[in-house]
PDB file of N, CA and C in Angstrom:
ATOM      1  N   MET A   1       0.908  -1.258  -0.078  1.00  0.00           N
ATOM      2  CA  MET A   1       0.246   0.124   0.019  1.00  0.00           C
ATOM      3  C   MET A   1       0.833   1.186   0.152  1.00  0.00           C
ATOM      4  N   TYR A   2       1.973   1.113   1.001  1.00  0.00           N
ATOM      5  CA  TYR A   2       2.618   2.421   0.895  1.00  0.00           C
ATOM      6  C   TYR A   2       3.934   1.887   0.093  1.00  0.00           C
ATOM      7  N   SER A   3       4.566   2.973  -0.445  1.00  0.00           N
ATOM      8  CA  SER A   3       5.908   2.609  -1.154  1.00  0.00           C
ATOM      9  C   SER A   3       7.121   2.737   0.031  1.00  0.00           C
ATOM     10  N   ASP A   4       6.673   3.343   0.966  1.00  0.00           N
ATOM     11  CA  ASP A   4       7.686   3.407   1.804  1.00  0.00           C
ATOM     12  C   ASP A   4       7.383   3.297   3.411  1.00  0.00           C
ATOM     13  N   PRO A   5       7.361   1.787   3.836  1.00  0.00           N
ATOM     14  CA  PRO A   5       6.589   1.733   5.102  1.00  0.00           C
ATOM     15  C   PRO A   5       7.040   2.762   6.543  1.00  0.00           C
ATOM     16  N   LYS A   6       8.021   3.313   5.986  1.00  0.00           N
ATOM     17  CA  LYS A   6       8.632   4.275   7.116  1.00  0.00           C
ATOM     18  C   LYS A   6       7.557   5.537   7.089  1.00  0.00           C
ATOM     19  N   ARG A   7       6.751   5.740   5.950  1.00  0.00           N
ATOM     20  CA  ARG A   7       5.650   6.814   5.959  1.00  0.00           C
ATOM     21  C   ARG A   7       4.621   6.626   6.819  1.00  0.00           C
ATOM     22  N   VAL A   8       4.400   5.599   7.159  1.00  0.00           N
ATOM     23  CA  VAL A   8       2.830   5.250   7.929  1.00  0.00           C
ATOM     24  C   VAL A   8       3.285   5.792   9.149  1.00  0.00           C
ATOM     25  N   ARG A   9       2.049   6.489   9.381  1.00  0.00           N
ATOM     26  CA  ARG A   9       1.847   7.291  10.716  1.00  0.00           C
ATOM     27  C   ARG A   9       1.566   6.631  11.822  1.00  0.00           C
ATOM     28  N   GLN A  10       2.322   6.026  12.657  1.00  0.00           N
ATOM     29  CA  GLN A  10       1.882   5.422  13.856  1.00  0.00           C
ATOM     30  C   GLN A  10       2.729   5.556  15.315  1.00  0.00           C
ATOM     31  N   HIS A  11       3.361   6.438  15.170  1.00  0.00           N
ATOM     32  CA  HIS A  11       3.700   6.917  16.482  1.00  0.00           C
ATOM     33  C   HIS A  11       2.946   7.880  16.774  1.00  0.00           C
ATOM     34  N   ARG A  12       2.468   8.113  18.281  1.00  0.00           N
ATOM     35  CA  ARG A  12       1.870   8.944  18.886  1.00  0.00           C
ATOM     36  C   ARG A  12       2.421   9.714  20.273  1.00  0.00           C
ATOM     37  N   HIS A  13       1.887  10.878  20.070  1.00  0.00           N
ATOM     38  CA  HIS A  13       2.774  11.812  20.984  1.00  0.00           C
ATOM     39  C   HIS A  13       1.146  12.922  21.803  1.00  0.00           C
ATOM     40  N   MET A  14       1.430  12.528  23.401  1.00  0.00           N
ATOM     41  CA  MET A  14       0.180  13.409  24.113  1.00  0.00           C
ATOM     42  C   MET A  14       0.528  14.711  23.959  1.00  0.00           C
ATOM     43  N   LEU A  15      -0.356  15.805  23.838  1.00  0.00           N
ATOM     44  CA  LEU A  15      -0.460  16.947  23.740  1.00  0.00           C
ATOM     45  C   LEU A  15      -1.556  17.706  24.426  1.00  0.00           C
ATOM     46  N   ARG A  16      -1.137  18.429  25.669  1.00  0.00           N
ATOM     47  CA  ARG A  16      -2.259  18.883  26.564  1.00  0.00           C
ATOM     48  C   ARG A  16      -2.636  20.400  26.346  1.00  0.00           C
ATOM     49  N   LEU A  17      -3.507  20.823  25.965  1.00  0.00           N
ATOM     50  CA  LEU A  17      -3.933  22.183  25.725  1.00  0.00           C
ATOM     51  C   LEU A  17      -5.080  22.850  27.071  1.00  0.00           C
ATOM     52  N   ASP A  18      -4.950  23.901  27.235  1.00  0.00           N
ATOM     53  CA  ASP A  18      -5.981  24.843  27.915  1.00  0.00           C
ATOM     54  C   ASP A  18      -7.090  24.725  27.274  1.00  0.00           C
ATOM     55  N   ASP A  19      -7.989  25.418  27.737  1.00  0.00           N
ATOM     56  CA  ASP A  19      -9.608  25.797  26.938  1.00  0.00           C
ATOM     57  C   ASP A  19      -9.024  26.781  25.815  1.00  0.00           C
ATOM     58  N   TYR A  20      -8.298  27.726  26.125  1.00  0.00           N
ATOM     59  CA  TYR A  20      -8.039  28.890  25.368  1.00  0.00           C
ATOM     60  C   TYR A  20      -7.298  28.512  24.082  1.00  0.00           C
ATOM     61  N   GLU A  21      -6.454  27.552  24.358  1.00  0.00           N
ATOM     62  CA  GLU A  21      -5.384  27.093  23.093  1.00  0.00           C
ATOM     63  C   GLU A  21      -6.241  26.305  22.404  1.00  0.00           C
ATOM     64  N   GLN A  22      -6.942  25.103  22.978  1.00  0.00           N
ATOM     65  CA  GLN A  22      -7.921  24.687  22.165  1.00  0.00           C
ATOM     66  C   GLN A  22      -8.864  25.010  21.368  1.00  0.00           C
ATOM     67  N   ALA A  23      -9.408  26.447  21.966  1.00  0.00           N
ATOM     68  CA  ALA A  23     -10.190  26.964  20.994  1.00  0.00           C
ATOM     69  C   ALA A  23      -9.471  27.850  19.731  1.00  0.00           C
ATOM     70  N   LEU A  24      -8.336  28.189  20.127  1.00  0.00           N
ATOM     71  CA  LEU A  24      -7.367  28.656  18.912  1.00  0.00           C
ATOM     72  C   LEU A  24      -7.121  27.841  18.127  1.00  0.00           C
ATOM     73  N   VAL A  25      -6.635  26.859  18.215  1.00  0.00           N
ATOM     74  CA  VAL A  25      -6.688  25.320  17.388  1.00  0.00           C
ATOM     75  C   VAL A  25      -7.699  24.757  16.586  1.00  0.00           C
ATOM     76  N   GLU A  26      -9.092  24.847  17.258  1.00  0.00           N
ATOM     77  CA  GLU A  26      -9.917  24.540  16.761  1.00  0.00           C
ATOM     78  C   GLU A  26     -10.483  25.728  15.736  1.00  0.00           C
ATOM     79  N   ALA A  27     -10.344  26.641  15.961  1.00  0.00           N
ATOM     80  CA  ALA A  27     -10.916  28.132  15.104  1.00  0.00           C
ATOM     81  C   ALA A  27     -10.043  27.794  13.929  1.00  0.00           C
ATOM     82  N   LEU A  28      -8.638  27.579  13.921  1.00  0.00           N
ATOM     83  CA  LEU A  28      -7.507  27.730  12.791  1.00  0.00           C
ATOM     84  C   LEU A  28      -7.956  26.479  12.005  1.00  0.00           C
ATOM     85  N   ALA A  29      -8.228  25.096  12.835  1.00  0.00           N
ATOM     86  CA  ALA A  29      -8.705  23.805  12.089  1.00  0.00           C
ATOM     87  C   ALA A  29     -10.170  24.198  11.176  1.00  0.00           C
ATOM     88  N   ASP A  30     -11.072  25.036  11.862  1.00  0.00           N
ATOM     89  CA  ASP A  30     -12.122  25.081  10.858  1.00  0.00           C
ATOM     90  C   ASP A  30     -11.764  26.144   9.881  1.00  0.00           C
ATOM     91  N   TYR A  31     -11.217  27.009  10.029  1.00  0.00           N
ATOM     92  CA  TYR A  31     -10.765  27.879   9.010  1.00  0.00           C
ATOM     93  C   TYR A  31     -10.191  27.190   7.855  1.00  0.00           C
ATOM     94  N   GLN A  32      -9.299  26.466   8.197  1.00  0.00           N
ATOM     95  CA  GLN A  32      -8.336  26.008   7.158  1.00  0.00           C
ATOM     96  C   GLN A  32      -9.301  24.556   6.423  1.00  0.00           C
ATOM     97  N   GLY A  33      -9.967  24.111   6.956  1.00  0.00           N
ATOM     98  CA  GLY A  33     -11.109  23.152   6.473  1.00  0.00           C
ATOM     99  C   GLY A  33     -10.339  21.599   6.869  1.00  0.00           C
ATOM    100  N   GLU A  34      -9.486  21.639   8.004  1.00  0.00           N
ATOM    101  CA  GLU A  34      -8.951  20.546   8.482  1.00  0.00           C
ATOM    102  C   GLU A  34      -8.956  19.779   9.636  1.00  0.00           C
ATOM    103  N   PRO A  35      -8.952  18.634   9.932  1.00  0.00           N
ATOM    104  CA  PRO A  35      -8.994  18.165  11.402  1.00  0.00           C
ATOM    105  C   PRO A  35      -7.996  18.817  12.316  1.00  0.00           C
ATOM    106  N   VAL A  36      -8.515  18.840  13.328  1.00  0.00           N
ATOM    107  CA  VAL A  36      -7.276  19.672  14.382  1.00  0.00           C
ATOM    108  C   VAL A  36      -6.060  18.736  14.624  1.00  0.00           C
ATOM    109  N   ALA A  37      -5.834  17.525  14.339  1.00  0.00           N
ATOM    110  CA  ALA A  37      -4.797  16.749  14.625  1.00  0.00           C
ATOM    111  C   ALA A  37      -3.938  16.844  13.243  1.00  0.00           C
ATOM    112  N   THR A  38      -4.244  17.103  12.286  1.00  0.00           N
ATOM    113  CA  THR A  38      -3.603  17.807  10.747  1.00  0.00           C
ATOM    114  C   THR A  38      -3.150  18.979  11.083  1.00  0.00           C
ATOM    115  N   ILE A  39      -3.522  20.062  11.786  1.00  0.00           N
ATOM    116  CA  ILE A  39      -3.220  21.542  12.022  1.00  0.00           C
ATOM    117  C   ILE A  39      -1.966  21.066  12.737  1.00  0.00           C
ATOM    118  N   LEU A  40      -2.140  20.513  13.996  1.00  0.00           N
ATOM    119  CA  LEU A  40      -1.110  20.324  15.074  1.00  0.00           C
ATOM    120  C   LEU A  40      -0.100  19.619  14.502  1.00  0.00           C
ATOM    121  N   ARG A  41      -0.323  18.768  13.496  1.00  0.00           N
ATOM    122  CA  ARG A  41       0.951  18.173  13.070  1.00  0.00           C
ATOM    123  C   ARG A  41       1.815  19.137  12.063  1.00  0.00           C
ATOM    124  N   GLN A  42       1.175  19.692  11.211  1.00  0.00           N
ATOM    125  CA  GLN A  42       1.853  20.496  10.637  1.00  0.00           C
ATOM    126  C   GLN A  42       2.484  21.948  11.318  1.00  0.00           C
ATOM    127  N   LEU A  43       1.524  22.244  12.250  1.00  0.00           N
ATOM    128  CA  LEU A  43       2.665  23.646  13.245  1.00  0.00           C
ATOM    129  C   LEU A  43       3.915  22.752  13.579  1.00  0.00           C
ATOM    130  N   ALA A  44       4.024  21.568  14.306  1.00  0.00           N
ATOM    131  CA  ALA A  44       4.544  21.062  14.925  1.00  0.00           C
ATOM    132  C   ALA A  44       5.860  20.713  14.168  1.00  0.00           C
ATOM    133  N   LEU A  45       5.542  20.181  12.671  1.00  0.00           N
ATOM    134  CA  LEU A  45       6.738  19.995  11.994  1.00  0.00           C
ATOM    135  C   LEU A  45       7.462  21.303  11.450  1.00  0.00           C
ATOM    136  N   ARG A  46       6.352  22.186  11.093  1.00  0.00           N
ATOM    137  CA  ARG A  46       6.872  23.316  10.915  1.00  0.00           C
ATOM    138  C   ARG A  46       7.840  24.075  11.790  1.00  0.00           C
ATOM    139  N   GLN A  47       7.207  23.830  12.953  1.00  0.00           N
ATOM    140  CA  GLN A  47       8.624  24.902  13.790  1.00  0.00           C
ATOM    141  C   GLN A  47       9.508  23.747  14.072  1.00  0.00           C
ATOM    142  N   ALA A  48       9.894  22.556  14.148  1.00  0.00           N
ATOM    143  CA  ALA A  48      10.731  21.638  14.404  1.00  0.00           C
ATOM    144  C   ALA A  48      11.963  21.837  13.039  1.00  0.00           C
ATOM    145  N   ALA A  49      11.266  22.025  11.751  1.00  0.00           N
ATOM    146  CA  ALA A  49      12.168  22.487  10.482  1.00  0.00           C
ATOM    147  C   ALA A  49      12.865  23.936  11.037  1.00  0.00           C
ATOM    148  N   ALA A  50      12.293  24.850  11.361  1.00  0.00           N
ATOM    149  CA  ALA A  50      12.558  25.996  11.502  1.00  0.00           C
ATOM    150  C   ALA A  50      13.556  26.250  12.597  1.00  0.00           C
ATOM    151  N   LEU A  51      13.490  25.228  13.681  1.00  0.00           N
ATOM    152  CA  LEU A  51      14.418  25.313  14.821  1.00  0.00           C
ATOM    153  C   LEU A  51      15.654  24.792  14.323  1.00  0.00           C
ATOM    154  N   LEU A  52      15.744  23.563  13.458  1.00  0.00           N
ATOM    155  CA  LEU A  52      16.722  22.996  13.252  1.00  0.00           C
ATOM    156  C   LEU A  52      17.449  23.753  12.047  1.00  0.00           C
ATOM    157  N   SER A  53      16.978  24.577  11.158  1.00  0.00           N
ATOM    158  CA  SER A  53      17.699  25.358  10.182  1.00  0.00           C
ATOM    159  C   SER A  53      18.106  26.853  10.596  1.00  0.00           C
ATOM    160  N   ALA A  54      17.466  27.164  11.631  1.00  0.00           N
ATOM    161  CA  ALA A  54      17.909  28.535  12.037  1.00  0.00           C
ATOM    162  C   ALA A  54      19.272  28.928  12.784  1.00  0.00           C
ATOM    163  N   ASP A  55      19.611  28.133  13.941  1.00  0.00           N
ATOM    164  CA  ASP A  55      20.888  28.427  14.537  1.00  0.00           C
ATOM    165  C   ASP A  55      21.306  26.763  15.053  1.00  0.00           C
ATOM    166  N   PRO A  56      22.270  26.442  14.605  1.00  0.00           N
ATOM    167  CA  PRO A  56      22.786  25.350  15.112  1.00  0.00           C
ATOM    168  C   PRO A  56      23.587  25.324  16.408  1.00  0.00           C
ATOM    169  N   ALA A  57      23.602  26.062  17.022  1.00  0.00           N
ATOM    170  CA  ALA A  57      24.011  26.362  18.457  1.00  0.00           C
ATOM    171  C   ALA A  57      22.993  26.680  19.274  1.00  0.00           C
ATOM    172  N   ALA A  58      21.776  26.959  18.946  1.00  0.00           N
ATOM    173  CA  ALA A  58      20.265  26.863  19.793  1.00  0.00           C
ATOM    174  C   ALA A  58      20.402  25.689  20.178  1.00  0.00           C
ATOM    175  N   SER A  59      19.405  25.530  20.975  1.00  0.00           N
ATOM    176  CA  SER A  59      19.135  24.208  21.631  1.00  0.00           C
ATOM    177  C   SER A  59      17.372  24.146  22.349  1.00  0.00           C
ATOM    178  N   VAL A  60      16.786  23.471  21.799  1.00  0.00           N
ATOM    179  CA  VAL A  60      15.453  23.598  22.464  1.00  0.00           C
ATOM    180  C   VAL A  60      15.163  23.305  23.790  1.00  0.00           C
ATOM    181  N   SER A  61      16.323  22.383  24.165  1.00  0.00           N
ATOM    182  CA  SER A  61      15.797  22.011  25.565  1.00  0.00           C
ATOM    183  C   SER A  61      16.515  23.245  26.792  1.00  0.00           C
ATOM    184  N   ARG A  62      17.350  24.098  25.753  1.00  0.00           N
ATOM    185  CA  ARG A  62      17.909  25.138  27.010  1.00  0.00           C
ATOM    186  C   ARG A  62      16.706  26.327  26.695  1.00  0.00           C
ATOM    187  N   GLY A  63      15.978  26.335  25.681  1.00  0.00           N
ATOM    188  CA  GLY A  63      14.816  27.480  25.561  1.00  0.00           C
ATOM    189  C   GLY A  63      15.705  28.199  24.926  1.00  0.00           C
ATOM    190  N   THR A  64      16.607  28.599  24.340  1.00  0.00           N
ATOM    191  CA  THR A  64      17.100  29.909  23.377  1.00  0.00           C
ATOM    192  C   THR A  64      16.634  29.797  22.285  1.00  0.00           C
ATOM    193  N   PRO A  65      16.151  31.079  21.736  1.00  0.00           N
ATOM    194  CA  PRO A  65      15.414  31.623  20.493  1.00  0.00           C
ATOM    195  C   PRO A  65      16.380  31.103  19.273  1.00  0.00           C
TER     196      PRO A  65
END
């Protein structure tokens, strides 16, 4: 079915949001016409790519921009 079996999305991660964050994400998902999970995955991957390409000396764990 998949040409690359590593592309199958089988890994899960827990994300907890408060009511305001959830409302914001749901509003964005409604506006885009996408499921909330798709929006969150896109945002997470976009941010990860930006962090990796921005500054090799910056560390996510240190919280430096």
